[in-house]
C-alpha atoms as a PDB file:
ATOM      1  CA  MET A   1     -17.752  -3.972 -44.017  1.00  0.00           C
ATOM      2  CA  LYS A   2     -17.536  -5.628 -41.167  1.00  0.00           C
ATOM      3  CA  VAL A   3     -16.477  -3.507 -38.109  1.00  0.00           C
ATOM      4  CA  ILE A   4     -16.543  -4.129 -34.215  1.00  0.00           C
ATOM      5  CA  LEU A   5     -17.866  -1.031 -32.254  1.00  0.00           C
ATOM      6  CA  ARG A   6     -15.333   1.083 -29.454  1.00  0.00           C
ATOM      7  CA  GLN A   7     -18.674   2.702 -27.565  1.00  0.00           C
ATOM      8  CA  ASN A   8     -22.268   2.235 -28.073  1.00  0.00           C
ATOM      9  CA  TYR A   9     -23.988   3.515 -30.860  1.00  0.00           C
ATOM     10  CA  GLU A  10     -27.485   3.710 -31.199  1.00  0.00           C
ATOM     11  CA  LYS A  11     -28.936   2.452 -34.689  1.00  0.00           C
ATOM     12  CA  LEU A  12     -25.926  -0.299 -34.985  1.00  0.00           C
ATOM     13  CA  GLY A  13     -25.636  -1.456 -30.720  1.00  0.00           C
ATOM     14  CA  GLU A  14     -23.286  -1.571 -28.616  1.00  0.00           C
ATOM     15  CA  ILE A  15     -19.331  -1.748 -27.639  1.00  0.00           C
ATOM     16  CA  GLY A  16     -17.840  -4.833 -28.759  1.00  0.00           C
ATOM     17  CA  ASP A  17     -20.932  -6.046 -31.448  1.00  0.00           C
ATOM     18  CA  ILE A  18     -19.479  -7.119 -35.126  1.00  0.00           C
ATOM     19  CA  VAL A  19     -21.722  -5.290 -37.217  1.00  0.00           C
ATOM     20  CA  VAL A  20     -21.788  -5.032 -41.299  1.00  0.00           C
ATOM     21  CA  VAL A  21     -21.580  -1.375 -42.568  1.00  0.00           C
ATOM     22  CA  LYS A  22     -21.734  -0.170 -45.371  1.00  0.00           C
ATOM     23  CA  ASP A  23     -17.883   0.577 -46.820  1.00  0.00           C
ATOM     24  CA  GLY A  24     -18.260   4.649 -46.457  1.00  0.00           C
ATOM     25  CA  PHE A  25     -20.022   4.518 -43.017  1.00  0.00           C
ATOM     26  CA  ALA A  26     -16.673   3.095 -41.767  1.00  0.00           C
ATOM     27  CA  ARG A  27     -13.793   4.880 -43.473  1.00  0.00           C
ATOM     28  CA  ASN A  28     -15.715   8.460 -42.894  1.00  0.00           C
ATOM     29  CA  PHE A  29     -17.470   8.045 -39.984  1.00  0.00           C
ATOM     30  CA  LEU A  30     -16.788   5.701 -37.532  1.00  0.00           C
ATOM     31  CA  ILE A  31     -13.182   4.912 -37.350  1.00  0.00           C
ATOM     32  CA  PRO A  32     -11.978   7.961 -37.631  1.00  0.00           C
ATOM     33  CA  ARG A  33     -14.733   9.168 -34.381  1.00  0.00           C
ATOM     34  CA  LYS A  34     -13.141   6.264 -32.789  1.00  0.00           C
ATOM     35  CA  ILE A  35     -16.338   4.636 -32.650  1.00  0.00           C
ATOM     36  CA  ALA A  36     -15.199   1.242 -33.868  1.00  0.00           C
ATOM     37  CA  TYR A  37     -12.801  -0.541 -35.891  1.00  0.00           C
ATOM     38  CA  ALA A  38     -11.788  -3.088 -39.071  1.00  0.00           C
ATOM     39  CA  ALA A  39     -12.839  -6.464 -38.132  1.00  0.00           C
ATOM     40  CA  VAL A  40      -9.656  -8.320 -38.326  1.00  0.00           C
ATOM     41  CA  LYS A  41      -8.016 -10.746 -36.862  1.00  0.00           C
ATOM     42  CA  GLY A  42      -5.720  -8.131 -34.537  1.00  0.00           C
ATOM     43  CA  ASN A  43      -8.172  -6.551 -33.303  1.00  0.00           C
ATOM     44  CA  ILE A  44     -10.948  -8.887 -32.554  1.00  0.00           C
ATOM     45  CA  LEU A  45      -8.162 -10.002 -30.178  1.00  0.00           C
ATOM     46  CA  ALA A  46      -7.679  -6.733 -28.921  1.00  0.00           C
ATOM     47  CA  LEU A  47     -11.040  -6.081 -28.309  1.00  0.00           C
ATOM     48  CA  GLU A  48     -10.899  -8.812 -26.035  1.00  0.00           C
ATOM     49  CA  GLU A  49      -8.182  -7.320 -23.967  1.00  0.00           C
ATOM     50  CA  GLU A  50     -10.128  -4.224 -23.942  1.00  0.00           C
ATOM     51  CA  LYS A  51     -13.086  -5.860 -22.127  1.00  0.00           C
ATOM     52  CA  LYS A  52     -10.731  -7.568 -19.622  1.00  0.00           C
ATOM     53  CA  ILE A  53      -9.306  -4.426 -18.533  1.00  0.00           C
ATOM     54  CA  LEU A  54     -13.565  -2.191 -18.278  1.00  0.00           C
ATOM     55  CA  ALA A  55     -14.236  -5.364 -16.432  1.00  0.00           C
ATOM     56  CA  LYS A  56     -11.480  -4.497 -14.255  1.00  0.00           C
ATOM     57  CA  LYS A  57     -11.709  -0.831 -14.560  1.00  0.00           C
ATOM     58  CA  LYS A  58     -15.931  -1.193 -13.390  1.00  0.00           C
ATOM     59  CA  GLU A  59     -14.756  -3.703 -10.659  1.00  0.00           C
ATOM     60  CA  GLN A  60     -12.701  -1.479  -8.853  1.00  0.00           C
ATOM     61  CA  GLU A  61     -15.291   1.805  -9.290  1.00  0.00           C
ATOM     62  CA  MET A  62     -18.162  -0.729  -7.599  1.00  0.00           C
ATOM     63  CA  HIS A  63     -15.789  -1.102  -4.979  1.00  0.00           C
ATOM     64  CA  ALA A  64     -14.654   2.347  -4.536  1.00  0.00           C
ATOM     65  CA  ALA A  65     -18.207   3.362  -4.144  1.00  0.00           C
ATOM     66  CA  GLU A  66     -19.826   1.269  -2.090  1.00  0.00           C
ATOM     67  CA  LYS A  67     -16.390   1.990   0.729  1.00  0.00           C
ATOM     68  CA  VAL A  68     -17.966   5.902   0.414  1.00  0.00           C
ATOM     69  CA  ALA A  69     -21.668   4.719   0.581  1.00  0.00           C
ATOM     70  CA  VAL A  70     -20.544   3.309   4.114  1.00  0.00           C
ATOM     71  CA  GLU A  71     -19.194   6.274   5.190  1.00  0.00           C
ATOM     72  CA  LEU A  72     -22.419   8.635   3.741  1.00  0.00           C
ATOM     73  CA  GLU A  73     -24.493   6.213   5.740  1.00  0.00           C
ATOM     74  CA  LYS A  74     -22.953   7.418   8.859  1.00  0.00           C
ATOM     75  CA  VAL A  75     -22.991  10.925   8.145  1.00  0.00           C
ATOM     76  CA  SER A  76     -25.791  13.520   8.355  1.00  0.00           C
ATOM     77  CA  VAL A  77     -26.144  17.228   7.451  1.00  0.00           C
ATOM     78  CA  THR A  78     -27.806  20.152   9.478  1.00  0.00           C
ATOM     79  CA  ILE A  79     -29.248  22.496   6.649  1.00  0.00           C
ATOM     80  CA  PRO A  80     -30.770  25.806   8.764  1.00  0.00           C
ATOM     81  CA  VAL A  81     -32.994  27.337   7.114  1.00  0.00           C
ATOM     82  CA  GLN A  82     -35.502  30.476   6.623  1.00  0.00           C
ATOM     83  CA  VAL A  83     -39.194  29.451   8.551  1.00  0.00           C
ATOM     84  CA  GLY A  84     -42.511  31.690   8.073  1.00  0.00           C
ATOM     85  CA  GLU A  85     -45.027  30.715   9.939  1.00  0.00           C
ATOM     86  CA  GLU A  86     -45.632  27.273  10.802  1.00  0.00           C
ATOM     87  CA  ASP A  87     -42.658  26.562  10.307  1.00  0.00           C
ATOM     88  CA  LYS A  88     -42.978  27.062   6.137  1.00  0.00           C
ATOM     89  CA  ILE A  89     -39.662  27.099   4.156  1.00  0.00           C
ATOM     90  CA  PHE A  90     -39.307  29.664   1.973  1.00  0.00           C
ATOM     91  CA  GLY A  91     -38.238  27.903  -0.926  1.00  0.00           C
ATOM     92  CA  SER A  92     -37.090  24.650  -0.326  1.00  0.00           C
ATOM     93  CA  VAL A  93     -34.007  22.413   0.368  1.00  0.00           C
ATOM     94  CA  THR A  94     -31.686  21.706  -3.070  1.00  0.00           C
ATOM     95  CA  THR A  95     -29.800  18.696  -3.654  1.00  0.00           C
ATOM     96  CA  GLN A  96     -27.020  22.054  -4.555  1.00  0.00           C
ATOM     97  CA  MET A  97     -27.309  22.860  -0.579  1.00  0.00           C
ATOM     98  CA  ILE A  98     -27.167  18.802   0.713  1.00  0.00           C
ATOM     99  CA  ALA A  99     -24.100  19.252  -1.112  1.00  0.00           C
ATOM    100  CA  ASP A 100     -22.347  21.728   0.043  1.00  0.00           C
ATOM    101  CA  SER A 101     -22.936  20.585   3.544  1.00  0.00           C
ATOM    102  CA  LEU A 102     -21.470  17.141   2.258  1.00  0.00           C
ATOM    103  CA  LYS A 103     -18.881  19.364   1.250  1.00  0.00           C
ATOM    104  CA  GLU A 104     -17.659  20.690   4.613  1.00  0.00           C
ATOM    105  CA  LYS A 105     -18.149  17.018   6.037  1.00  0.00           C
ATOM    106  CA  GLY A 106     -15.327  16.351   3.555  1.00  0.00           C
ATOM    107  CA  HIS A 107     -17.222  14.772   1.210  1.00  0.00           C
ATOM    108  CA  GLU A 108     -17.135  15.846  -2.279  1.00  0.00           C
ATOM    109  CA  ILE A 109     -20.576  15.000  -3.643  1.00  0.00           C
ATOM    110  CA  ASP A 110     -21.328  16.474  -6.923  1.00  0.00           C
ATOM    111  CA  LYS A 111     -24.851  17.299  -6.787  1.00  0.00           C
ATOM    112  CA  ARG A 112     -26.900  15.582  -9.665  1.00  0.00           C
ATOM    113  CA  LYS A 113     -26.125  12.323  -7.418  1.00  0.00           C
ATOM    114  CA  ILE A 114     -28.398  13.498  -4.920  1.00  0.00           C
ATOM    115  CA  GLU A 115     -31.952  12.281  -5.335  1.00  0.00           C
ATOM    116  CA  ILE A 116     -34.783  14.111  -3.379  1.00  0.00           C
ATOM    117  CA  ASP A 117     -37.999  12.026  -3.661  1.00  0.00           C
ATOM    118  CA  GLU A 118     -40.196  14.507  -3.485  1.00  0.00           C
ATOM    119  CA  PRO A 119     -39.537  18.725  -2.041  1.00  0.00           C
ATOM    120  CA  ILE A 120     -38.124  19.672   1.322  1.00  0.00           C
ATOM    121  CA  LYS A 121     -40.687  22.495   1.819  1.00  0.00           C
ATOM    122  CA  SER A 122     -40.798  22.345   6.010  1.00  0.00           C
ATOM    123  CA  LEU A 123     -38.870  21.441   9.185  1.00  0.00           C
ATOM    124  CA  GLY A 124     -38.065  18.024   9.997  1.00  0.00           C
ATOM    125  CA  ILE A 125     -35.677  14.730   9.326  1.00  0.00           C
ATOM    126  CA  TYR A 126     -35.006  13.019   6.168  1.00  0.00           C
ATOM    127  CA  SER A 127     -33.769  10.646   4.417  1.00  0.00           C
ATOM    128  CA  VAL A 128     -31.888  11.509   1.301  1.00  0.00           C
ATOM    129  CA  SER A 129     -30.321   9.158  -1.428  1.00  0.00           C
ATOM    130  CA  VAL A 130     -27.040   9.449  -3.012  1.00  0.00           C
ATOM    131  CA  LYS A 131     -26.427   7.389  -6.319  1.00  0.00           C
ATOM    132  CA  LEU A 132     -23.070   7.001  -5.829  1.00  0.00           C
ATOM    133  CA  HIS A 133     -22.748   3.630  -9.338  1.00  0.00           C
ATOM    134  CA  PRO A 134     -25.810   2.914 -11.445  1.00  0.00           C
ATOM    135  CA  ASN A 135     -25.780   0.057  -8.854  1.00  0.00           C
ATOM    136  CA  VAL A 136     -24.721   1.617  -5.651  1.00  0.00           C
ATOM    137  CA  SER A 137     -26.731   4.122  -3.598  1.00  0.00           C
ATOM    138  CA  ALA A 138     -26.581   6.092  -0.244  1.00  0.00           C
ATOM    139  CA  LYS A 139     -28.966   7.518   2.388  1.00  0.00           C
ATOM    140  CA  VAL A 140     -27.580  10.390   4.345  1.00  0.00           C
ATOM    141  CA  LYS A 141     -29.825  11.931   6.902  1.00  0.00           C
ATOM    142  CA  VAL A 142     -30.987  15.545   6.285  1.00  0.00           C
ATOM    143  CA  TRP A 143     -31.915  17.752   9.949  1.00  0.00           C
ATOM    144  CA  VAL A 144     -33.755  20.783   8.196  1.00  0.00           C
ATOM    145  CA  VAL A 145     -33.604  23.284  10.971  1.00  0.00           C
ATOM    146  CA  ARG A 146     -34.822  26.757  12.184  1.00  0.00           C
ATOM    147  CA  GLU A 147     -31.920  29.834  11.290  1.00  0.00           C
END
Protein backbone atom coordinates (compact mmCIF):
# COMPACT_ATOMS: atom_id res chain seq x y z
CA MET A 1 0.00 0.00 0.00
CA LYS A 2 1.29 3.47 -0.87
CA VAL A 3 1.14 6.09 1.89
CA ILE A 4 2.22 9.70 2.24
CA LEU A 5 4.17 10.53 5.40
CA ARG A 6 2.79 13.41 7.49
CA GLN A 7 5.66 13.27 9.99
CA ASN A 8 9.31 12.29 9.88
CA TYR A 9 9.49 8.60 10.63
CA GLU A 10 12.95 7.19 11.28
CA LYS A 11 12.73 3.97 9.31
CA LEU A 12 10.54 5.18 6.43
CA GLY A 13 11.40 8.73 5.48
CA GLU A 14 10.55 12.40 5.92
CA ILE A 15 7.44 14.54 5.65
CA GLY A 16 5.88 14.33 2.20
CA ASP A 17 7.61 11.16 1.06
CA ILE A 18 5.45 8.59 -0.71
CA VAL A 19 6.46 5.14 0.52
CA VAL A 20 5.22 1.59 0.00
CA VAL A 21 4.46 -0.36 3.18
CA LYS A 22 2.51 -3.48 4.05
CA ASP A 23 -1.26 -3.03 4.25
CA GLY A 24 -1.54 -3.99 7.92
CA PHE A 25 1.25 -1.64 8.99
CA ALA A 26 -0.46 1.24 7.20
CA ARG A 27 -4.02 0.50 8.40
CA ASN A 28 -3.19 -0.48 11.98
CA PHE A 29 -0.26 1.77 12.83
CA LEU A 30 0.59 4.64 10.49
CA ILE A 31 -2.87 5.92 9.59
CA PRO A 32 -4.50 5.76 13.07
CA ARG A 33 -1.52 7.59 14.63
CA LYS A 34 -1.68 10.22 11.87
CA ILE A 35 1.90 9.48 10.81
CA ALA A 36 0.72 8.85 7.25
CA TYR A 37 -2.34 8.74 5.06
CA ALA A 38 -3.25 6.82 1.93
CA ALA A 39 -1.63 8.02 -1.29
CA VAL A 40 -4.70 8.79 -3.37
CA LYS A 41 -5.02 11.71 -5.76
CA GLY A 42 -6.94 13.95 -3.32
CA ASN A 43 -4.42 13.37 -0.52
CA ILE A 44 -1.50 14.18 -2.81
CA LEU A 45 -3.10 17.55 -3.57
CA ALA A 46 -3.72 18.10 0.15
CA LEU A 47 -0.04 17.33 0.79
CA GLU A 48 1.01 20.13 -1.56
CA GLU A 49 -1.19 22.57 0.37
CA GLU A 50 0.26 21.37 3.69
CA LYS A 51 3.79 21.93 2.36
CA LYS A 52 2.91 25.51 1.35
CA ILE A 53 1.39 26.25 4.76
CA LEU A 54 4.34 24.68 6.57
CA ALA A 55 6.83 26.69 4.52
CA LYS A 56 4.97 29.93 5.26
CA LYS A 57 4.83 29.09 8.98
CA LYS A 58 8.58 28.36 9.09
CA GLU A 59 9.30 31.67 7.37
CA GLN A 60 7.17 33.57 9.91
CA GLU A 61 8.93 31.83 12.81
CA MET A 62 12.31 32.76 11.35
CA HIS A 63 11.36 36.43 10.97
CA ALA A 64 10.07 36.51 14.55
CA ALA A 65 13.30 34.89 15.79
CA GLU A 66 15.38 37.46 13.87
CA LYS A 67 13.47 40.32 15.53
CA VAL A 68 14.05 38.83 18.98
CA ALA A 69 17.73 38.28 18.12
CA VAL A 70 18.18 41.97 17.28
CA GLU A 71 16.65 42.92 20.63
CA LEU A 72 18.78 40.41 22.55
CA GLU A 73 22.01 41.68 20.96
CA LYS A 74 21.42 45.00 22.77
CA VAL A 75 20.81 43.37 26.16
CA SER A 76 23.41 42.74 28.83
CA VAL A 77 22.61 41.05 32.13
CA THR A 78 24.35 41.28 35.48
CA ILE A 79 24.51 38.21 37.70
CA PRO A 80 25.69 38.76 41.29
CA VAL A 81 27.40 35.70 42.81
CA GLN A 82 29.18 34.79 46.01
CA VAL A 83 32.93 34.48 45.64
CA GLY A 84 35.71 33.01 47.71
CA GLU A 85 39.44 33.55 47.62
CA GLU A 86 40.99 34.69 44.35
CA ASP A 87 37.54 35.67 43.04
CA LYS A 88 36.47 32.05 42.48
CA ILE A 89 32.72 31.47 42.33
CA PHE A 90 31.04 28.92 44.57
CA GLY A 91 29.64 26.60 41.88
CA SER A 92 29.09 28.16 38.45
CA VAL A 93 26.71 30.44 36.60
CA THR A 94 23.91 28.32 35.12
CA THR A 95 21.63 28.79 32.16
CA GLN A 96 18.72 29.10 34.62
CA MET A 97 20.39 32.12 36.27
CA ILE A 98 20.85 33.76 32.87
CA ALA A 99 17.24 32.99 31.87
CA ASP A 100 15.97 34.54 35.12
CA SER A 101 18.05 37.68 34.54
CA LEU A 102 16.71 37.95 30.99
CA LYS A 103 13.16 37.53 32.31
CA GLU A 104 13.71 40.50 34.64
CA LYS A 105 14.72 42.54 31.58
CA GLY A 106 11.50 41.53 29.82
CA HIS A 107 12.74 38.72 27.56
CA GLU A 108 11.12 35.32 28.12
CA ILE A 109 13.80 32.83 26.99
CA ASP A 110 13.79 29.11 27.79
CA LYS A 111 16.94 27.99 29.63
CA ARG A 112 17.44 25.14 27.14
CA LYS A 113 17.97 27.66 24.34
CA ILE A 114 20.90 29.28 26.17
CA GLU A 115 24.26 27.77 25.28
CA ILE A 116 27.33 28.27 27.47
CA ASP A 117 30.55 27.18 25.75
CA GLU A 118 32.44 26.45 28.95
CA PRO A 119 31.32 26.70 32.58
CA ILE A 120 31.45 30.22 34.01
CA LYS A 121 33.40 29.86 37.26
CA SER A 122 35.02 33.28 37.73
CA LEU A 123 34.09 36.95 37.69
CA GLY A 124 34.15 38.80 34.39
CA ILE A 125 32.29 39.54 31.19
CA TYR A 126 31.12 36.65 29.04
CA SER A 127 29.33 36.32 25.72
CA VAL A 128 26.61 33.67 25.82
CA SER A 129 24.80 32.32 22.75
CA VAL A 130 21.00 32.05 22.67
CA LYS A 131 19.66 29.70 19.99
CA LEU A 132 16.26 31.11 18.98
CA HIS A 133 15.74 29.11 15.78
CA PRO A 134 17.82 26.46 13.99
CA ASN A 135 19.21 29.21 11.74
CA VAL A 136 19.09 32.19 14.15
CA SER A 137 21.12 32.77 17.28
CA ALA A 138 22.00 35.86 19.32
CA LYS A 139 24.82 36.79 21.66
CA VAL A 140 24.01 38.15 25.12
CA LYS A 141 26.63 39.85 27.24
CA VAL A 142 26.72 38.45 30.79
CA TRP A 143 28.44 40.38 33.57
CA VAL A 144 29.36 38.18 36.52
CA VAL A 145 29.98 40.40 39.54
CA ARG A 146 30.66 40.03 43.27
CA GLU A 147 27.51 39.95 45.40
